[in-house]
Amino acid sequence: MKVLASCLLLVSAATAAEQEPADPLAPLRFMEGACWLAEFPGGTHADVQCYEPAVEGHFLRSRHIVRGTDPAYWGETLYFVDSEDGATIGRTLRDHRSPE
């Protein structure tokens, strides 16, 4: 019985080692391919945010534009997981005011 238990333990360990590592961005994946619209109080401004995978899924890209300002305000952020501490980080790549 001990031999069988040892064999099962070794097979389980080998299987676990062969499995893909957990996706560190899994908590954010529900946003991929989705857009959200948030209207400001008074209805004069609206922020539209859209999310998509980037760099073969290693990053999550957010693009947004605030309409109703003149000029429109827009930006782009990449979300990723820090390889040292596992923290999710968002880095704004562009942050502009430009004509619509």
N, C-alpha and C. Protein backbone atom coordinates (compact mmCIF):
# COMPACT_ATOMS: atom_id res chain seq x y z
N MET A 1 0.82 -1.19 0.00
CA MET A 1 0.00 0.00 0.00
C MET A 1 0.87 1.26 0.00
N LYS A 2 2.00 1.22 0.73
CA LYS A 2 2.89 2.37 0.76
C LYS A 2 3.49 2.63 -0.62
N VAL A 3 3.77 1.56 -1.36
CA VAL A 3 4.33 1.71 -2.70
C VAL A 3 3.31 2.39 -3.61
N LEU A 4 2.06 1.98 -3.53
CA LEU A 4 1.01 2.57 -4.34
C LEU A 4 0.84 4.05 -4.00
N ALA A 5 0.82 4.37 -2.73
CA ALA A 5 0.68 5.76 -2.30
C ALA A 5 1.86 6.59 -2.80
N SER A 6 3.06 6.05 -2.74
CA SER A 6 4.26 6.76 -3.22
C SER A 6 4.19 7.01 -4.72
N CYS A 7 3.74 6.00 -5.48
CA CYS A 7 3.60 6.14 -6.93
C CYS A 7 2.57 7.21 -7.28
N LEU A 8 1.45 7.20 -6.57
CA LEU A 8 0.42 8.21 -6.82
C LEU A 8 0.94 9.61 -6.51
N LEU A 9 1.69 9.74 -5.46
CA LEU A 9 2.27 11.03 -5.09
C LEU A 9 3.23 11.52 -6.17
N LEU A 10 4.08 10.64 -6.70
CA LEU A 10 5.02 11.02 -7.75
C LEU A 10 4.30 11.41 -9.03
N VAL A 11 3.27 10.67 -9.40
CA VAL A 11 2.49 10.99 -10.60
C VAL A 11 1.80 12.34 -10.43
N SER A 12 1.24 12.59 -9.27
CA SER A 12 0.58 13.88 -9.01
C SER A 12 1.57 15.02 -9.10
N ALA A 13 2.76 14.86 -8.54
CA ALA A 13 3.77 15.91 -8.58
C ALA A 13 4.22 16.16 -10.02
N ALA A 14 4.41 15.11 -10.80
CA ALA A 14 4.82 15.26 -12.19
C ALA A 14 3.74 15.96 -13.01
N THR A 15 2.50 15.62 -12.79
CA THR A 15 1.38 16.24 -13.50
C THR A 15 1.29 17.72 -13.16
N ALA A 16 1.43 18.05 -11.89
CA ALA A 16 1.36 19.45 -11.47
C ALA A 16 2.49 20.26 -12.09
N ALA A 17 3.67 19.67 -12.21
CA ALA A 17 4.81 20.38 -12.79
C ALA A 17 4.61 20.63 -14.27
N GLU A 18 3.86 19.76 -14.97
CA GLU A 18 3.64 19.91 -16.40
C GLU A 18 2.51 20.88 -16.73
N GLN A 19 1.65 21.20 -15.78
CA GLN A 19 0.52 22.07 -16.04
C GLN A 19 0.99 23.49 -16.29
N GLU A 20 0.19 24.22 -17.05
CA GLU A 20 0.47 25.62 -17.31
C GLU A 20 0.43 26.40 -16.00
N PRO A 21 1.29 27.40 -15.84
CA PRO A 21 1.23 28.21 -14.63
C PRO A 21 -0.08 29.00 -14.61
N ALA A 22 -0.51 29.34 -13.43
CA ALA A 22 -1.75 30.11 -13.29
C ALA A 22 -1.61 31.45 -14.00
N ASP A 23 -2.69 31.92 -14.58
CA ASP A 23 -2.69 33.20 -15.28
C ASP A 23 -2.75 34.33 -14.25
N PRO A 24 -1.70 35.12 -14.12
CA PRO A 24 -1.70 36.16 -13.10
C PRO A 24 -2.70 37.29 -13.39
N LEU A 25 -3.13 37.43 -14.64
CA LEU A 25 -4.12 38.45 -14.97
C LEU A 25 -5.56 37.91 -14.96
N ALA A 26 -5.74 36.69 -14.50
CA ALA A 26 -7.07 36.06 -14.50
C ALA A 26 -8.15 36.95 -13.86
N PRO A 27 -7.87 37.65 -12.76
CA PRO A 27 -8.93 38.48 -12.17
C PRO A 27 -9.41 39.62 -13.06
N LEU A 28 -8.61 39.98 -14.08
CA LEU A 28 -8.98 41.08 -14.97
C LEU A 28 -9.50 40.62 -16.33
N ARG A 29 -9.40 39.34 -16.62
CA ARG A 29 -9.75 38.83 -17.95
C ARG A 29 -11.20 39.07 -18.34
N PHE A 30 -12.09 39.21 -17.36
CA PHE A 30 -13.51 39.42 -17.69
C PHE A 30 -13.71 40.74 -18.46
N MET A 31 -12.73 41.65 -18.38
CA MET A 31 -12.87 42.93 -19.07
C MET A 31 -12.44 42.87 -20.53
N GLU A 32 -11.70 41.82 -20.93
CA GLU A 32 -11.23 41.71 -22.31
C GLU A 32 -12.39 41.74 -23.30
N GLY A 33 -12.26 42.58 -24.30
CA GLY A 33 -13.28 42.67 -25.34
C GLY A 33 -14.51 43.47 -24.94
N ALA A 34 -14.50 44.06 -23.76
CA ALA A 34 -15.66 44.80 -23.29
C ALA A 34 -15.38 46.31 -23.26
N CYS A 35 -16.44 47.08 -23.40
CA CYS A 35 -16.37 48.53 -23.27
C CYS A 35 -17.42 48.97 -22.25
N TRP A 36 -17.10 50.01 -21.53
CA TRP A 36 -18.03 50.57 -20.56
C TRP A 36 -18.18 52.06 -20.81
N LEU A 37 -19.37 52.55 -20.56
CA LEU A 37 -19.68 53.97 -20.69
C LEU A 37 -20.09 54.48 -19.31
N ALA A 38 -19.42 55.52 -18.86
CA ALA A 38 -19.77 56.14 -17.57
C ALA A 38 -20.09 57.60 -17.83
N GLU A 39 -21.33 57.97 -17.53
CA GLU A 39 -21.72 59.37 -17.72
C GLU A 39 -21.45 60.14 -16.44
N PHE A 40 -20.93 61.34 -16.60
CA PHE A 40 -20.68 62.21 -15.47
C PHE A 40 -22.00 62.82 -15.00
N PRO A 41 -22.08 63.25 -13.73
CA PRO A 41 -23.29 63.93 -13.26
C PRO A 41 -23.62 65.12 -14.15
N GLY A 42 -24.86 65.28 -14.48
CA GLY A 42 -25.29 66.36 -15.34
C GLY A 42 -25.37 65.96 -16.81
N GLY A 43 -24.76 64.82 -17.16
CA GLY A 43 -24.86 64.29 -18.52
C GLY A 43 -24.09 65.05 -19.58
N THR A 44 -23.19 65.95 -19.20
CA THR A 44 -22.45 66.71 -20.20
C THR A 44 -21.17 66.03 -20.66
N HIS A 45 -20.68 65.06 -19.87
CA HIS A 45 -19.44 64.35 -20.20
C HIS A 45 -19.69 62.85 -20.07
N ALA A 46 -18.94 62.09 -20.84
CA ALA A 46 -19.01 60.63 -20.73
C ALA A 46 -17.61 60.06 -20.94
N ASP A 47 -17.28 59.05 -20.14
CA ASP A 47 -15.99 58.36 -20.25
C ASP A 47 -16.27 56.97 -20.83
N VAL A 48 -15.66 56.66 -21.97
CA VAL A 48 -15.80 55.36 -22.60
C VAL A 48 -14.47 54.63 -22.44
N GLN A 49 -14.50 53.44 -21.85
CA GLN A 49 -13.29 52.63 -21.65
C GLN A 49 -13.48 51.28 -22.31
N CYS A 50 -12.47 50.87 -23.08
CA CYS A 50 -12.49 49.57 -23.75
C CYS A 50 -11.21 48.81 -23.41
N TYR A 51 -11.33 47.50 -23.25
CA TYR A 51 -10.21 46.66 -22.83
C TYR A 51 -9.97 45.56 -23.86
N GLU A 52 -8.68 45.27 -24.07
CA GLU A 52 -8.30 44.21 -25.01
C GLU A 52 -6.97 43.60 -24.57
N PRO A 53 -6.74 42.33 -24.93
CA PRO A 53 -5.44 41.73 -24.61
C PRO A 53 -4.36 42.37 -25.48
N ALA A 54 -3.14 42.39 -24.97
CA ALA A 54 -2.01 42.94 -25.71
C ALA A 54 -0.79 42.06 -25.52
N VAL A 55 0.11 42.09 -26.47
CA VAL A 55 1.36 41.34 -26.44
C VAL A 55 1.10 39.87 -26.08
N GLU A 56 0.33 39.23 -26.94
CA GLU A 56 0.01 37.81 -26.80
C GLU A 56 -0.61 37.47 -25.44
N GLY A 57 -1.38 38.41 -24.89
CA GLY A 57 -2.09 38.16 -23.64
C GLY A 57 -1.29 38.40 -22.38
N HIS A 58 -0.06 38.85 -22.50
CA HIS A 58 0.75 39.11 -21.30
C HIS A 58 0.36 40.42 -20.62
N PHE A 59 -0.36 41.27 -21.35
CA PHE A 59 -0.81 42.56 -20.84
C PHE A 59 -2.30 42.71 -21.14
N LEU A 60 -2.94 43.61 -20.42
CA LEU A 60 -4.31 44.01 -20.71
C LEU A 60 -4.27 45.50 -21.02
N ARG A 61 -4.76 45.90 -22.19
CA ARG A 61 -4.75 47.30 -22.61
C ARG A 61 -6.10 47.93 -22.37
N SER A 62 -6.08 49.11 -21.80
CA SER A 62 -7.28 49.92 -21.61
C SER A 62 -7.12 51.21 -22.40
N ARG A 63 -8.11 51.49 -23.24
CA ARG A 63 -8.13 52.77 -23.95
C ARG A 63 -9.40 53.49 -23.53
N HIS A 64 -9.27 54.78 -23.27
CA HIS A 64 -10.47 55.51 -22.88
C HIS A 64 -10.46 56.92 -23.46
N ILE A 65 -11.65 57.45 -23.57
CA ILE A 65 -11.81 58.83 -24.04
C ILE A 65 -12.95 59.46 -23.24
N VAL A 66 -12.71 60.69 -22.83
CA VAL A 66 -13.76 61.46 -22.14
C VAL A 66 -14.31 62.43 -23.17
N ARG A 67 -15.55 62.20 -23.55
CA ARG A 67 -16.22 63.05 -24.53
C ARG A 67 -17.00 64.13 -23.80
N GLY A 68 -17.12 65.25 -24.47
CA GLY A 68 -17.84 66.38 -23.87
C GLY A 68 -16.88 67.46 -23.40
N THR A 69 -15.60 67.18 -23.43
CA THR A 69 -14.60 68.20 -23.13
C THR A 69 -14.09 68.74 -24.46
N ASP A 70 -13.52 69.90 -24.45
CA ASP A 70 -13.00 70.48 -25.68
C ASP A 70 -11.59 70.97 -25.42
N PRO A 71 -10.60 70.27 -25.91
CA PRO A 71 -10.67 69.06 -26.73
C PRO A 71 -10.94 67.83 -25.88
N ALA A 72 -11.20 66.70 -26.54
CA ALA A 72 -11.46 65.45 -25.82
C ALA A 72 -10.20 65.01 -25.08
N TYR A 73 -10.41 64.37 -23.94
CA TYR A 73 -9.30 63.83 -23.15
C TYR A 73 -9.28 62.32 -23.39
N TRP A 74 -8.10 61.75 -23.68
CA TRP A 74 -8.01 60.32 -23.90
C TRP A 74 -6.70 59.78 -23.35
N GLY A 75 -6.68 58.47 -23.14
CA GLY A 75 -5.47 57.85 -22.61
C GLY A 75 -5.45 56.36 -22.89
N GLU A 76 -4.30 55.78 -22.64
CA GLU A 76 -4.10 54.35 -22.84
C GLU A 76 -3.25 53.82 -21.68
N THR A 77 -3.68 52.70 -21.10
CA THR A 77 -2.97 52.10 -19.97
C THR A 77 -2.75 50.63 -20.24
N LEU A 78 -1.58 50.12 -19.86
CA LEU A 78 -1.29 48.70 -19.92
C LEU A 78 -1.24 48.16 -18.51
N TYR A 79 -1.98 47.07 -18.28
CA TYR A 79 -1.96 46.39 -16.98
C TYR A 79 -1.14 45.12 -17.12
N PHE A 80 -0.30 44.85 -16.12
CA PHE A 80 0.53 43.65 -16.13
C PHE A 80 0.82 43.26 -14.70
N VAL A 81 1.43 42.10 -14.54
CA VAL A 81 1.77 41.61 -13.20
C VAL A 81 3.27 41.68 -13.02
N ASP A 82 3.70 42.31 -11.93
CA ASP A 82 5.12 42.42 -11.61
C ASP A 82 5.67 41.03 -11.31
N SER A 83 6.74 40.66 -11.99
CA SER A 83 7.27 39.31 -11.84
C SER A 83 7.94 39.09 -10.48
N GLU A 84 8.32 40.16 -9.80
CA GLU A 84 9.00 39.99 -8.51
C GLU A 84 8.03 39.81 -7.34
N ASP A 85 6.98 40.63 -7.29
CA ASP A 85 6.09 40.53 -6.13
C ASP A 85 4.66 40.12 -6.47
N GLY A 86 4.37 39.93 -7.76
CA GLY A 86 3.05 39.46 -8.15
C GLY A 86 1.97 40.53 -8.13
N ALA A 87 2.34 41.79 -7.92
CA ALA A 87 1.36 42.86 -7.87
C ALA A 87 0.90 43.23 -9.27
N THR A 88 -0.39 43.54 -9.41
CA THR A 88 -0.91 44.01 -10.69
C THR A 88 -0.63 45.49 -10.78
N ILE A 89 -0.05 45.90 -11.92
CA ILE A 89 0.38 47.28 -12.10
C ILE A 89 -0.26 47.82 -13.36
N GLY A 90 -0.67 49.07 -13.32
CA GLY A 90 -1.16 49.76 -14.50
C GLY A 90 -0.23 50.91 -14.82
N ARG A 91 0.25 50.96 -16.04
CA ARG A 91 1.13 52.04 -16.48
C ARG A 91 0.43 52.81 -17.60
N THR A 92 0.24 54.10 -17.39
CA THR A 92 -0.37 54.92 -18.42
C THR A 92 0.68 55.25 -19.47
N LEU A 93 0.39 54.85 -20.70
CA LEU A 93 1.31 55.08 -21.80
C LEU A 93 1.09 56.42 -22.46
N ARG A 94 -0.18 56.77 -22.61
CA ARG A 94 -0.53 58.03 -23.24
C ARG A 94 -1.62 58.68 -22.42
N ASP A 95 -1.55 59.96 -22.34
CA ASP A 95 -2.52 60.73 -21.59
C ASP A 95 -2.60 62.09 -22.28
N HIS A 96 -3.63 62.27 -23.10
CA HIS A 96 -3.63 63.46 -23.97
C HIS A 96 -4.97 64.17 -23.97
N ARG A 97 -4.87 65.38 -24.42
CA ARG A 97 -6.05 66.15 -24.82
C ARG A 97 -5.87 66.39 -26.32
N SER A 98 -6.85 65.99 -27.06
CA SER A 98 -6.73 66.14 -28.52
C SER A 98 -8.11 66.38 -29.12
N PRO A 99 -8.13 66.88 -30.33
CA PRO A 99 -9.45 67.08 -30.98
C PRO A 99 -10.14 65.74 -31.20
N GLU A 100 -11.45 65.71 -31.08
CA GLU A 100 -12.22 64.48 -31.31
C GLU A 100 -12.21 64.11 -32.76
